[in-house]
Amino acid sequence: MQRLYSSGRAFQPWKTGVALAAEGVGESQTAWPAGTYFVTSTSWQSGALILKPKAAELLVGTMLHYRDNQAYRLHAFVLIPEHFHFLVTPCAELSARRAAQLVKGGSAHTIREELGLAFPV
């Protein structure tokens, strides 16, 4: 299992830049080895966005949506007020980076629309 982490580049409301901690693997999808990844993402400016029940519900809904559409196998996840972790095995056509971007981007879009929030959140 590879460990992933978020870098400091802003992606609203989630930070982006998921990368292999141990190896510094590049952006290329083909450079990502197949496998299961532990992904962590922090809310923008470490705000406690997930404390809002509706925001947490929308984040979980996004994770389950992509799981149900077979973008990845979702093994486990945990929500913490300012960040979340998930254990994921991307499908063959998807890199771990792209799987994380689907969750972060999809949930950011939905949270903004559903809660009427303006960025930065």
PDB file of N, CA and C in Angstrom:
ATOM      1  N   MET A   1       0.840  -1.169   0.000  1.00  0.00           N
ATOM      2  CA  MET A   1       0.000   0.000   0.000  1.00  0.00           C
ATOM      3  C   MET A   1       0.892   1.241   0.000  1.00  0.00           C
ATOM      4  N   GLN A   2       0.573   2.199  -0.838  1.00  0.00           N
ATOM      5  CA  GLN A   2       1.313   3.448  -0.897  1.00  0.00           C
ATOM      6  C   GLN A   2       0.608   4.500  -0.043  1.00  0.00           C
ATOM      7  N   ARG A   3       1.377   5.378   0.563  1.00  0.00           N
ATOM      8  CA  ARG A   3       0.805   6.455   1.365  1.00  0.00           C
ATOM      9  C   ARG A   3       0.775   7.716   0.519  1.00  0.00           C
ATOM     10  N   LEU A   4      -0.353   8.375   0.516  1.00  0.00           N
ATOM     11  CA  LEU A   4      -0.524   9.625  -0.210  1.00  0.00           C
ATOM     12  C   LEU A   4      -0.758  10.753   0.775  1.00  0.00           C
ATOM     13  N   TYR A   5      -0.440  11.959   0.377  1.00  0.00           N
ATOM     14  CA  TYR A   5      -0.706  13.101   1.224  1.00  0.00           C
ATOM     15  C   TYR A   5      -1.048  14.296   0.355  1.00  0.00           C
ATOM     16  N   SER A   6      -1.595  15.315   0.962  1.00  0.00           N
ATOM     17  CA  SER A   6      -1.941  16.544   0.238  1.00  0.00           C
ATOM     18  C   SER A   6      -0.810  17.546   0.375  1.00  0.00           C
ATOM     19  N   SER A   7      -0.563  18.271  -0.693  1.00  0.00           N
ATOM     20  CA  SER A   7       0.424  19.346  -0.631  1.00  0.00           C
ATOM     21  C   SER A   7      -0.284  20.638  -0.261  1.00  0.00           C
ATOM     22  N   GLY A   8       0.427  21.735  -0.265  1.00  0.00           N
ATOM     23  CA  GLY A   8      -0.140  23.001   0.159  1.00  0.00           C
ATOM     24  C   GLY A   8      -0.864  23.800  -0.911  1.00  0.00           C
ATOM     25  N   ARG A   9      -0.915  23.334  -2.166  1.00  0.00           N
ATOM     26  CA  ARG A   9      -1.606  24.113  -3.197  1.00  0.00           C
ATOM     27  C   ARG A   9      -3.104  24.125  -2.916  1.00  0.00           C
ATOM     28  N   ALA A  10      -3.738  25.283  -3.064  1.00  0.00           N
ATOM     29  CA  ALA A  10      -5.159  25.406  -2.728  1.00  0.00           C
ATOM     30  C   ALA A  10      -6.044  24.824  -3.818  1.00  0.00           C
ATOM     31  N   PHE A  11      -7.027  24.077  -3.418  1.00  0.00           N
ATOM     32  CA  PHE A  11      -8.087  23.576  -4.290  1.00  0.00           C
ATOM     33  C   PHE A  11      -9.327  23.693  -3.450  1.00  0.00           C
ATOM     34  N   GLN A  12     -10.246  24.526  -3.841  1.00  0.00           N
ATOM     35  CA  GLN A  12     -11.276  24.925  -2.910  1.00  0.00           C
ATOM     36  C   GLN A  12     -12.456  23.989  -2.910  1.00  0.00           C
ATOM     37  N   PRO A  13     -12.940  23.533  -1.758  1.00  0.00           N
ATOM     38  CA  PRO A  13     -12.377  23.815  -0.453  1.00  0.00           C
ATOM     39  C   PRO A  13     -11.286  22.843  -0.035  1.00  0.00           C
ATOM     40  N   TRP A  14     -10.887  21.895  -0.886  1.00  0.00           N
ATOM     41  CA  TRP A  14      -9.877  20.913  -0.507  1.00  0.00           C
ATOM     42  C   TRP A  14      -8.531  21.263  -1.111  1.00  0.00           C
ATOM     43  N   LYS A  15      -7.461  20.948  -0.404  1.00  0.00           N
ATOM     44  CA  LYS A  15      -6.123  21.100  -0.963  1.00  0.00           C
ATOM     45  C   LYS A  15      -5.872  19.973  -1.953  1.00  0.00           C
ATOM     46  N   THR A  16      -5.085  20.232  -2.967  1.00  0.00           N
ATOM     47  CA  THR A  16      -4.779  19.209  -3.948  1.00  0.00           C
ATOM     48  C   THR A  16      -3.308  18.856  -3.916  1.00  0.00           C
ATOM     49  N   GLY A  17      -2.872  18.111  -4.896  1.00  0.00           N
ATOM     50  CA  GLY A  17      -1.470  17.770  -4.996  1.00  0.00           C
ATOM     51  C   GLY A  17      -1.149  16.451  -4.342  1.00  0.00           C
ATOM     52  N   VAL A  18      -2.052  15.494  -4.423  1.00  0.00           N
ATOM     53  CA  VAL A  18      -1.795  14.178  -3.843  1.00  0.00           C
ATOM     54  C   VAL A  18      -0.559  13.594  -4.516  1.00  0.00           C
ATOM     55  N   ALA A  19       0.381  13.093  -3.725  1.00  0.00           N
ATOM     56  CA  ALA A  19       1.621  12.533  -4.281  1.00  0.00           C
ATOM     57  C   ALA A  19       2.109  11.397  -3.395  1.00  0.00           C
ATOM     58  N   LEU A  20       2.900  10.539  -3.960  1.00  0.00           N
ATOM     59  CA  LEU A  20       3.488   9.467  -3.158  1.00  0.00           C
ATOM     60  C   LEU A  20       4.513  10.062  -2.201  1.00  0.00           C
ATOM     61  N   ALA A  21       4.327   9.824  -0.937  1.00  0.00           N
ATOM     62  CA  ALA A  21       5.227  10.402   0.059  1.00  0.00           C
ATOM     63  C   ALA A  21       6.625   9.806  -0.046  1.00  0.00           C
ATOM     64  N   ALA A  22       6.695   8.536  -0.207  1.00  0.00           N
ATOM     65  CA  ALA A  22       7.995   7.874  -0.160  1.00  0.00           C
ATOM     66  C   ALA A  22       8.799   8.040  -1.440  1.00  0.00           C
ATOM     67  N   GLU A  23       8.127   8.106  -2.593  1.00  0.00           N
ATOM     68  CA  GLU A  23       8.850   8.047  -3.855  1.00  0.00           C
ATOM     69  C   GLU A  23       8.798   9.316  -4.685  1.00  0.00           C
ATOM     70  N   GLY A  24       7.892  10.238  -4.411  1.00  0.00           N
ATOM     71  CA  GLY A  24       7.774  11.447  -5.205  1.00  0.00           C
ATOM     72  C   GLY A  24       7.422  11.145  -6.652  1.00  0.00           C
ATOM     73  N   VAL A  25       6.526  10.193  -6.884  1.00  0.00           N
ATOM     74  CA  VAL A  25       6.122   9.817  -8.245  1.00  0.00           C
ATOM     75  C   VAL A  25       5.472  11.009  -8.916  1.00  0.00           C
ATOM     76  N   GLY A  26       5.743  11.202 -10.200  1.00  0.00           N
ATOM     77  CA  GLY A  26       5.257  12.352 -10.950  1.00  0.00           C
ATOM     78  C   GLY A  26       3.793  12.292 -11.313  1.00  0.00           C
ATOM     79  N   GLU A  27       3.371  13.286 -12.115  1.00  0.00           N
ATOM     80  CA  GLU A  27       1.985  13.468 -12.506  1.00  0.00           C
ATOM     81  C   GLU A  27       1.484  12.397 -13.455  1.00  0.00           C
ATOM     82  N   SER A  28       2.348  11.784 -14.215  1.00  0.00           N
ATOM     83  CA  SER A  28       1.931  10.845 -15.249  1.00  0.00           C
ATOM     84  C   SER A  28       1.105   9.710 -14.676  1.00  0.00           C
ATOM     85  N   GLN A  29      -0.051   9.478 -15.286  1.00  0.00           N
ATOM     86  CA  GLN A  29      -0.929   8.411 -14.815  1.00  0.00           C
ATOM     87  C   GLN A  29      -0.219   7.065 -14.881  1.00  0.00           C
ATOM     88  N   THR A  30       0.615   6.870 -15.903  1.00  0.00           N
ATOM     89  CA  THR A  30       1.291   5.586 -16.041  1.00  0.00           C
ATOM     90  C   THR A  30       2.375   5.389 -14.985  1.00  0.00           C
ATOM     91  N   ALA A  31       2.807   6.475 -14.338  1.00  0.00           N
ATOM     92  CA  ALA A  31       3.829   6.375 -13.305  1.00  0.00           C
ATOM     93  C   ALA A  31       3.252   5.872 -11.983  1.00  0.00           C
ATOM     94  N   TRP A  32       1.954   5.857 -11.860  1.00  0.00           N
ATOM     95  CA  TRP A  32       1.324   5.435 -10.613  1.00  0.00           C
ATOM     96  C   TRP A  32       1.145   3.928 -10.630  1.00  0.00           C
ATOM     97  N   PRO A  33       1.761   3.233  -9.713  1.00  0.00           N
ATOM     98  CA  PRO A  33       1.579   1.784  -9.677  1.00  0.00           C
ATOM     99  C   PRO A  33       0.164   1.427  -9.247  1.00  0.00           C
ATOM    100  N   ALA A  34      -0.351   0.328  -9.805  1.00  0.00           N
ATOM    101  CA  ALA A  34      -1.670  -0.145  -9.401  1.00  0.00           C
ATOM    102  C   ALA A  34      -1.600  -0.555  -7.940  1.00  0.00           C
ATOM    103  N   GLY A  35      -2.670  -0.339  -7.218  1.00  0.00           N
ATOM    104  CA  GLY A  35      -2.684  -0.746  -5.822  1.00  0.00           C
ATOM    105  C   GLY A  35      -3.693   0.023  -5.016  1.00  0.00           C
ATOM    106  N   THR A  36      -3.599  -0.116  -3.727  1.00  0.00           N
ATOM    107  CA  THR A  36      -4.490   0.543  -2.785  1.00  0.00           C
ATOM    108  C   THR A  36      -3.729   1.695  -2.148  1.00  0.00           C
ATOM    109  N   TYR A  37      -4.393   2.844  -2.019  1.00  0.00           N
ATOM    110  CA  TYR A  37      -3.758   4.062  -1.536  1.00  0.00           C
ATOM    111  C   TYR A  37      -4.489   4.616  -0.316  1.00  0.00           C
ATOM    112  N   PHE A  38      -3.723   5.131   0.616  1.00  0.00           N
ATOM    113  CA  PHE A  38      -4.250   5.862   1.760  1.00  0.00           C
ATOM    114  C   PHE A  38      -4.152   7.338   1.406  1.00  0.00           C
ATOM    115  N   VAL A  39      -5.295   8.011   1.292  1.00  0.00           N
ATOM    116  CA  VAL A  39      -5.342   9.404   0.844  1.00  0.00           C
ATOM    117  C   VAL A  39      -5.830  10.277   1.988  1.00  0.00           C
ATOM    118  N   THR A  40      -5.170  11.401   2.176  1.00  0.00           N
ATOM    119  CA  THR A  40      -5.577  12.404   3.158  1.00  0.00           C
ATOM    120  C   THR A  40      -5.791  13.719   2.437  1.00  0.00           C
ATOM    121  N   SER A  41      -6.845  14.419   2.777  1.00  0.00           N
ATOM    122  CA  SER A  41      -7.085  15.737   2.203  1.00  0.00           C
ATOM    123  C   SER A  41      -7.565  16.671   3.297  1.00  0.00           C
ATOM    124  N   THR A  42      -7.034  17.882   3.285  1.00  0.00           N
ATOM    125  CA  THR A  42      -7.364  18.899   4.284  1.00  0.00           C
ATOM    126  C   THR A  42      -8.264  19.948   3.668  1.00  0.00           C
ATOM    127  N   SER A  43      -9.243  20.417   4.426  1.00  0.00           N
ATOM    128  CA  SER A  43     -10.109  21.484   3.932  1.00  0.00           C
ATOM    129  C   SER A  43      -9.306  22.769   3.774  1.00  0.00           C
ATOM    130  N   TRP A  44      -9.805  23.656   2.951  1.00  0.00           N
ATOM    131  CA  TRP A  44      -9.109  24.899   2.635  1.00  0.00           C
ATOM    132  C   TRP A  44      -8.826  25.671   3.912  1.00  0.00           C
ATOM    133  N   GLN A  45      -7.595  26.065   4.103  1.00  0.00           N
ATOM    134  CA  GLN A  45      -7.101  26.782   5.286  1.00  0.00           C
ATOM    135  C   GLN A  45      -7.437  26.041   6.576  1.00  0.00           C
ATOM    136  N   SER A  46      -7.526  24.731   6.489  1.00  0.00           N
ATOM    137  CA  SER A  46      -7.824  23.870   7.635  1.00  0.00           C
ATOM    138  C   SER A  46      -9.086  24.279   8.384  1.00  0.00           C
ATOM    139  N   GLY A  47     -10.058  24.807   7.629  1.00  0.00           N
ATOM    140  CA  GLY A  47     -11.340  25.165   8.233  1.00  0.00           C
ATOM    141  C   GLY A  47     -12.124  23.919   8.609  1.00  0.00           C
ATOM    142  N   ALA A  48     -12.984  24.037   9.596  1.00  0.00           N
ATOM    143  CA  ALA A  48     -13.762  22.901  10.091  1.00  0.00           C
ATOM    144  C   ALA A  48     -15.038  22.717   9.267  1.00  0.00           C
ATOM    145  N   LEU A  49     -14.879  22.627   7.958  1.00  0.00           N
ATOM    146  CA  LEU A  49     -16.009  22.513   7.042  1.00  0.00           C
ATOM    147  C   LEU A  49     -16.839  21.268   7.315  1.00  0.00           C
ATOM    148  N   ILE A  50     -16.198  20.165   7.679  1.00  0.00           N
ATOM    149  CA  ILE A  50     -16.901  18.896   7.843  1.00  0.00           C
ATOM    150  C   ILE A  50     -17.748  18.882   9.115  1.00  0.00           C
ATOM    151  N   LEU A  51     -17.596  19.878   9.983  1.00  0.00           N
ATOM    152  CA  LEU A  51     -18.477  19.971  11.148  1.00  0.00           C
ATOM    153  C   LEU A  51     -19.915  20.285  10.744  1.00  0.00           C
ATOM    154  N   LYS A  52     -20.091  20.883   9.588  1.00  0.00           N
ATOM    155  CA  LYS A  52     -21.439  21.159   9.089  1.00  0.00           C
ATOM    156  C   LYS A  52     -22.024  19.839   8.591  1.00  0.00           C
ATOM    157  N   PRO A  53     -23.093  19.355   9.215  1.00  0.00           N
ATOM    158  CA  PRO A  53     -23.634  18.042   8.837  1.00  0.00           C
ATOM    159  C   PRO A  53     -23.939  17.911   7.348  1.00  0.00           C
ATOM    160  N   LYS A  54     -24.471  18.954   6.739  1.00  0.00           N
ATOM    161  CA  LYS A  54     -24.804  18.880   5.313  1.00  0.00           C
ATOM    162  C   LYS A  54     -23.530  18.752   4.475  1.00  0.00           C
ATOM    163  N   ALA A  55     -22.475  19.461   4.837  1.00  0.00           N
ATOM    164  CA  ALA A  55     -21.207  19.362   4.106  1.00  0.00           C
ATOM    165  C   ALA A  55     -20.638  17.954   4.222  1.00  0.00           C
ATOM    166  N   ALA A  56     -20.695  17.374   5.408  1.00  0.00           N
ATOM    167  CA  ALA A  56     -20.209  16.007   5.609  1.00  0.00           C
ATOM    168  C   ALA A  56     -21.035  15.026   4.779  1.00  0.00           C
ATOM    169  N   GLU A  57     -22.346  15.217   4.781  1.00  0.00           N
ATOM    170  CA  GLU A  57     -23.237  14.359   3.994  1.00  0.00           C
ATOM    171  C   GLU A  57     -22.925  14.449   2.498  1.00  0.00           C
ATOM    172  N   LEU A  58     -22.649  15.652   2.021  1.00  0.00           N
ATOM    173  CA  LEU A  58     -22.332  15.835   0.602  1.00  0.00           C
ATOM    174  C   LEU A  58     -20.984  15.208   0.241  1.00  0.00           C
ATOM    175  N   LEU A  59     -20.003  15.309   1.129  1.00  0.00           N
ATOM    176  CA  LEU A  59     -18.700  14.693   0.900  1.00  0.00           C
ATOM    177  C   LEU A  59     -18.839  13.173   0.814  1.00  0.00           C
ATOM    178  N   VAL A  60     -19.557  12.592   1.765  1.00  0.00           N
ATOM    179  CA  VAL A  60     -19.769  11.142   1.751  1.00  0.00           C
ATOM    180  C   VAL A  60     -20.546  10.741   0.500  1.00  0.00           C
ATOM    181  N   GLY A  61     -21.555  11.512   0.141  1.00  0.00           N
ATOM    182  CA  GLY A  61     -22.331  11.232  -1.067  1.00  0.00           C
ATOM    183  C   GLY A  61     -21.470  11.218  -2.314  1.00  0.00           C
ATOM    184  N   THR A  62     -20.517  12.141  -2.388  1.00  0.00           N
ATOM    185  CA  THR A  62     -19.603  12.186  -3.535  1.00  0.00           C
ATOM    186  C   THR A  62     -18.716  10.946  -3.564  1.00  0.00           C
ATOM    187  N   MET A  63     -18.177  10.556  -2.406  1.00  0.00           N
ATOM    188  CA  MET A  63     -17.335   9.353  -2.352  1.00  0.00           C
ATOM    189  C   MET A  63     -18.123   8.127  -2.805  1.00  0.00           C
ATOM    190  N   LEU A  64     -19.353   8.008  -2.325  1.00  0.00           N
ATOM    191  CA  LEU A  64     -20.176   6.850  -2.675  1.00  0.00           C
ATOM    192  C   LEU A  64     -20.622   6.886  -4.136  1.00  0.00           C
ATOM    193  N   HIS A  65     -20.853   8.068  -4.668  1.00  0.00           N
ATOM    194  CA  HIS A  65     -21.230   8.206  -6.081  1.00  0.00           C
ATOM    195  C   HIS A  65     -20.149   7.628  -6.994  1.00  0.00           C
ATOM    196  N   TYR A  66     -18.910   8.041  -6.774  1.00  0.00           N
ATOM    197  CA  TYR A  66     -17.823   7.541  -7.619  1.00  0.00           C
ATOM    198  C   TYR A  66     -17.534   6.068  -7.367  1.00  0.00           C
ATOM    199  N   ARG A  67     -17.716   5.626  -6.132  1.00  0.00           N
ATOM    200  CA  ARG A  67     -17.584   4.193  -5.841  1.00  0.00           C
ATOM    201  C   ARG A  67     -18.643   3.407  -6.605  1.00  0.00           C
ATOM    202  N   ASP A  68     -19.894   3.871  -6.546  1.00  0.00           N
ATOM    203  CA  ASP A  68     -20.991   3.179  -7.225  1.00  0.00           C
ATOM    204  C   ASP A  68     -20.822   3.166  -8.745  1.00  0.00           C
ATOM    205  N   ASN A  69     -20.145   4.199  -9.273  1.00  0.00           N
ATOM    206  CA  ASN A  69     -19.869   4.266 -10.712  1.00  0.00           C
ATOM    207  C   ASN A  69     -18.561   3.576 -11.078  1.00  0.00           C
ATOM    208  N   GLN A  70     -17.999   2.839 -10.141  1.00  0.00           N
ATOM    209  CA  GLN A  70     -16.823   2.000 -10.318  1.00  0.00           C
ATOM    210  C   GLN A  70     -15.567   2.755 -10.735  1.00  0.00           C
ATOM    211  N   ALA A  71     -15.441   4.000 -10.278  1.00  0.00           N
ATOM    212  CA  ALA A  71     -14.197   4.734 -10.498  1.00  0.00           C
ATOM    213  C   ALA A  71     -13.096   4.163  -9.602  1.00  0.00           C
ATOM    214  N   TYR A  72     -13.497   3.618  -8.463  1.00  0.00           N
ATOM    215  CA  TYR A  72     -12.551   3.034  -7.522  1.00  0.00           C
ATOM    216  C   TYR A  72     -13.297   2.122  -6.561  1.00  0.00           C
ATOM    217  N   ARG A  73     -12.525   1.326  -5.838  1.00  0.00           N
ATOM    218  CA  ARG A  73     -13.063   0.551  -4.716  1.00  0.00           C
ATOM    219  C   ARG A  73     -12.759   1.338  -3.459  1.00  0.00           C
ATOM    220  N   LEU A  74     -13.778   1.656  -2.711  1.00  0.00           N
ATOM    221  CA  LEU A  74     -13.633   2.413  -1.475  1.00  0.00           C
ATOM    222  C   LEU A  74     -13.633   1.420  -0.317  1.00  0.00           C
ATOM    223  N   HIS A  75     -12.500   1.293   0.346  1.00  0.00           N
ATOM    224  CA  HIS A  75     -12.355   0.317   1.414  1.00  0.00           C
ATOM    225  C   HIS A  75     -12.773   0.875   2.770  1.00  0.00           C
ATOM    226  N   ALA A  76     -12.443   2.139   3.012  1.00  0.00           N
ATOM    227  CA  ALA A  76     -12.768   2.768   4.295  1.00  0.00           C
ATOM    228  C   ALA A  76     -12.559   4.271   4.159  1.00  0.00           C
ATOM    229  N   PHE A  77     -13.213   5.019   5.042  1.00  0.00           N
ATOM    230  CA  PHE A  77     -12.970   6.456   5.116  1.00  0.00           C
ATOM    231  C   PHE A  77     -13.295   6.944   6.516  1.00  0.00           C
ATOM    232  N   VAL A  78     -12.732   8.095   6.859  1.00  0.00           N
ATOM    233  CA  VAL A  78     -13.025   8.740   8.135  1.00  0.00           C
ATOM    234  C   VAL A  78     -13.062  10.246   7.892  1.00  0.00           C
ATOM    235  N   LEU A  79     -14.047  10.909   8.480  1.00  0.00           N
ATOM    236  CA  LEU A  79     -14.175  12.362   8.382  1.00  0.00           C
ATOM    237  C   LEU A  79     -13.788  12.967   9.719  1.00  0.00           C
ATOM    238  N   ILE A  80     -12.949  13.976   9.662  1.00  0.00           N
ATOM    239  CA  ILE A  80     -12.491  14.706  10.832  1.00  0.00           C
ATOM    240  C   ILE A  80     -12.811  16.168  10.521  1.00  0.00           C
ATOM    241  N   PRO A  81     -13.087  17.032  11.493  1.00  0.00           N
ATOM    242  CA  PRO A  81     -13.595  18.373  11.178  1.00  0.00           C
ATOM    243  C   PRO A  81     -12.870  19.129  10.065  1.00  0.00           C
ATOM    244  N   GLU A  82     -11.548  19.061  10.007  1.00  0.00           N
ATOM    245  CA  GLU A  82     -10.840  19.840   8.989  1.00  0.00           C
ATOM    246  C   GLU A  82     -10.165  18.980   7.911  1.00  0.00           C
ATOM    247  N   HIS A  83     -10.336  17.671   7.966  1.00  0.00           N
ATOM    248  CA  HIS A  83      -9.766  16.817   6.921  1.00  0.00           C
ATOM    249  C   HIS A  83     -10.463  15.472   6.885  1.00  0.00           C
ATOM    250  N   PHE A  84     -10.108  14.678   5.873  1.00  0.00           N
ATOM    251  CA  PHE A  84     -10.642  13.322   5.782  1.00  0.00           C
ATOM    252  C   PHE A  84      -9.579  12.402   5.226  1.00  0.00           C
ATOM    253  N   HIS A  85      -9.744  11.116   5.501  1.00  0.00           N
ATOM    254  CA  HIS A  85      -8.878  10.072   4.976  1.00  0.00           C
ATOM    255  C   HIS A  85      -9.760   9.080   4.241  1.00  0.00           C
ATOM    256  N   PHE A  86      -9.228   8.501   3.164  1.00  0.00           N
ATOM    257  CA  PHE A  86      -9.909   7.354   2.591  1.00  0.00           C
ATOM    258  C   PHE A  86      -8.912   6.383   2.002  1.00  0.00           C
ATOM    259  N   LEU A  87      -9.298   5.117   2.042  1.00  0.00           N
ATOM    260  CA  LEU A  87      -8.498   4.012   1.543  1.00  0.00           C
ATOM    261  C   LEU A  87      -9.162   3.562   0.256  1.00  0.00           C
ATOM    262  N   VAL A  88      -8.434   3.661  -0.862  1.00  0.00           N
ATOM    263  CA  VAL A  88      -9.050   3.498  -2.168  1.00  0.00           C
ATOM    264  C   VAL A  88      -8.153   2.706  -3.110  1.00  0.00           C
ATOM    265  N   THR A  89      -8.780   1.887  -3.941  1.00  0.00           N
ATOM    266  CA  THR A  89      -8.095   1.213  -5.041  1.00  0.00           C
ATOM    267  C   THR A  89      -8.722   1.729  -6.332  1.00  0.00           C
ATOM    268  N   PRO A  90      -8.009   2.593  -7.081  1.00  0.00           N
ATOM    269  CA  PRO A  90      -8.567   3.133  -8.320  1.00  0.00           C
ATOM    270  C   PRO A  90      -8.758   2.041  -9.375  1.00  0.00           C
ATOM    271  N   CYS A  91      -9.727   2.249 -10.274  1.00  0.00           N
ATOM    272  CA  CYS A  91      -9.907   1.321 -11.391  1.00  0.00           C
ATOM    273  C   CYS A  91      -8.693   1.438 -12.314  1.00  0.00           C
ATOM    274  N   ALA A  92      -8.567   0.538 -13.269  1.00  0.00           N
ATOM    275  CA  ALA A  92      -7.388   0.479 -14.135  1.00  0.00           C
ATOM    276  C   ALA A  92      -7.176   1.761 -14.939  1.00  0.00           C
ATOM    277  N   GLU A  93      -8.251   2.469 -15.272  1.00  0.00           N
ATOM    278  CA  GLU A  93      -8.144   3.668 -16.107  1.00  0.00           C
ATOM    279  C   GLU A  93      -7.854   4.931 -15.304  1.00  0.00           C
ATOM    280  N   LEU A  94      -7.779   4.845 -13.998  1.00  0.00           N
ATOM    281  CA  LEU A  94      -7.674   6.020 -13.142  1.00  0.00           C
ATOM    282  C   LEU A  94      -6.426   5.950 -12.277  1.00  0.00           C
ATOM    283  N   SER A  95      -5.750   7.074 -12.124  1.00  0.00           N
ATOM    284  CA  SER A  95      -4.641   7.139 -11.177  1.00  0.00           C
ATOM    285  C   SER A  95      -5.201   7.458  -9.790  1.00  0.00           C
ATOM    286  N   ALA A  96      -4.409   7.234  -8.773  1.00  0.00           N
ATOM    287  CA  ALA A  96      -4.832   7.586  -7.416  1.00  0.00           C
ATOM    288  C   ALA A  96      -5.047   9.089  -7.321  1.00  0.00           C
ATOM    289  N   ARG A  97      -4.206   9.856  -8.001  1.00  0.00           N
ATOM    290  CA  ARG A  97      -4.356  11.314  -8.019  1.00  0.00           C
ATOM    291  C   ARG A  97      -5.713  11.704  -8.581  1.00  0.00           C
ATOM    292  N   ARG A  98      -6.108  11.087  -9.683  1.00  0.00           N
ATOM    293  CA  ARG A  98      -7.386  11.419 -10.308  1.00  0.00           C
ATOM    294  C   ARG A  98      -8.563  10.992  -9.436  1.00  0.00           C
ATOM    295  N   ALA A  99      -8.450   9.856  -8.775  1.00  0.00           N
ATOM    296  CA  ALA A  99      -9.512   9.412  -7.871  1.00  0.00           C
ATOM    297  C   ALA A  99      -9.710  10.434  -6.746  1.00  0.00           C
ATOM    298  N   ALA A 100      -8.615  10.930  -6.192  1.00  0.00           N
ATOM    299  CA  ALA A 100      -8.697  11.945  -5.140  1.00  0.00           C
ATOM    300  C   ALA A 100      -9.294  13.237  -5.684  1.00  0.00           C
ATOM    301  N   GLN A 101      -8.911  13.609  -6.909  1.00  0.00           N
ATOM    302  CA  GLN A 101      -9.455  14.826  -7.506  1.00  0.00           C
ATOM    303  C   GLN A 101     -10.951  14.716  -7.753  1.00  0.00           C
ATOM    304  N   LEU A 102     -11.423  13.530  -8.134  1.00  0.00           N
ATOM    305  CA  LEU A 102     -12.863  13.337  -8.318  1.00  0.00           C
ATOM    306  C   LEU A 102     -13.611  13.610  -7.019  1.00  0.00           C
ATOM    307  N   VAL A 103     -13.112  13.062  -5.921  1.00  0.00           N
ATOM    308  CA  VAL A 103     -13.771  13.257  -4.624  1.00  0.00           C
ATOM    309  C   VAL A 103     -13.694  14.716  -4.196  1.00  0.00           C
ATOM    310  N   LYS A 104     -12.497  15.284  -4.258  1.00  0.00           N
ATOM    311  CA  LYS A 104     -12.314  16.659  -3.790  1.00  0.00           C
ATOM    312  C   LYS A 104     -13.053  17.657  -4.674  1.00  0.00           C
ATOM    313  N   GLY A 105     -12.883  17.532  -5.980  1.00  0.00           N
ATOM    314  CA  GLY A 105     -13.542  18.470  -6.899  1.00  0.00           C
ATOM    315  C   GLY A 105     -15.048  18.302  -6.915  1.00  0.00           C
ATOM    316  N   GLY A 106     -15.497  17.055  -6.933  1.00  0.00           N
ATOM    317  CA  GLY A 106     -16.934  16.803  -6.938  1.00  0.00           C
ATOM    318  C   GLY A 106     -17.609  17.295  -5.678  1.00  0.00           C
ATOM    319  N   SER A 107     -16.982  17.048  -4.535  1.00  0.00           N
ATOM    320  CA  SER A 107     -17.585  17.494  -3.280  1.00  0.00           C
ATOM    321  C   SER A 107     -17.507  19.016  -3.143  1.00  0.00           C
ATOM    322  N   ALA A 108     -16.418  19.629  -3.585  1.00  0.00           N
ATOM    323  CA  ALA A 108     -16.305  21.089  -3.522  1.00  0.00           C
ATOM    324  C   ALA A 108     -17.407  21.745  -4.348  1.00  0.00           C
ATOM    325  N   HIS A 109     -17.627  21.233  -5.533  1.00  0.00           N
ATOM    326  CA  HIS A 109     -18.667  21.776  -6.414  1.00  0.00           C
ATOM    327  C   HIS A 109     -20.045  21.626  -5.770  1.00  0.00           C
ATOM    328  N   THR A 110     -20.335  20.430  -5.257  1.00  0.00           N
ATOM    329  CA  THR A 110     -21.639  20.156  -4.658  1.00  0.00           C
ATOM    330  C   THR A 110     -21.848  20.970  -3.389  1.00  0.00           C
ATOM    331  N   ILE A 111     -20.835  21.053  -2.537  1.00  0.00           N
ATOM    332  CA  ILE A 111     -20.948  21.833  -1.295  1.00  0.00           C
ATOM    333  C   ILE A 111     -21.207  23.295  -1.617  1.00  0.00           C
ATOM    334  N   ARG A 112     -20.489  23.828  -2.576  1.00  0.00           N
ATOM    335  CA  ARG A 112     -20.674  25.239  -2.955  1.00  0.00           C
ATOM    336  C   ARG A 112     -22.103  25.480  -3.432  1.00  0.00           C
ATOM    337  N   GLU A 113     -22.599  24.597  -4.300  1.00  0.00           N
ATOM    338  CA  GLU A 113     -23.950  24.775  -4.833  1.00  0.00           C
ATOM    339  C   GLU A 113     -25.033  24.558  -3.775  1.00  0.00           C
ATOM    340  N   GLU A 114     -24.925  23.467  -3.024  1.00  0.00           N
ATOM    341  CA  GLU A 114     -25.968  23.106  -2.065  1.00  0.00           C
ATOM    342  C   GLU A 114     -26.023  24.044  -0.855  1.00  0.00           C
ATOM    343  N   LEU A 115     -24.878  24.499  -0.388  1.00  0.00           N
ATOM    344  CA  LEU A 115     -24.836  25.350   0.798  1.00  0.00           C
ATOM    345  C   LEU A 115     -24.755  26.824   0.455  1.00  0.00           C
ATOM    346  N   GLY A 116     -24.652  27.145  -0.840  1.00  0.00           N
ATOM    347  CA  GLY A 116     -24.574  28.542  -1.255  1.00  0.00           C
ATOM    348  C   GLY A 116     -23.332  29.248  -0.746  1.00  0.00           C
ATOM    349  N   LEU A 117     -22.243  28.517  -0.651  1.00  0.00           N
ATOM    350  CA  LEU A 117     -21.001  29.087  -0.144  1.00  0.00           C
ATOM    351  C   LEU A 117     -20.171  29.654  -1.284  1.00  0.00           C
ATOM    352  N   ALA A 118     -19.488  30.740  -1.001  1.00  0.00           N
ATOM    353  CA  ALA A 118     -18.549  31.317  -1.955  1.00  0.00           C
ATOM    354  C   ALA A 118     -17.154  30.912  -1.520  1.00  0.00           C
ATOM    355  N   PHE A 119     -16.252  30.758  -2.482  1.00  0.00           N
ATOM    356  CA  PHE A 119     -14.889  30.399  -2.132  1.00  0.00           C
ATOM    357  C   PHE A 119     -14.075  31.643  -1.884  1.00  0.00           C
ATOM    358  N   PRO A 120     -13.105  31.621  -1.052  1.00  0.00           N
ATOM    359  CA  PRO A 120     -12.699  30.468  -0.273  1.00  0.00           C
ATOM    360  C   PRO A 120     -13.660  30.200   0.877  1.00  0.00           C
ATOM    361  N   VAL A 121     -13.777  28.898   1.220  1.00  0.00           N
ATOM    362  CA  VAL A 121     -14.678  28.474   2.288  1.00  0.00           C
ATOM    363  C   VAL A 121     -13.900  28.391   3.579  1.00  0.00           C
TER     364      VAL A 121
END
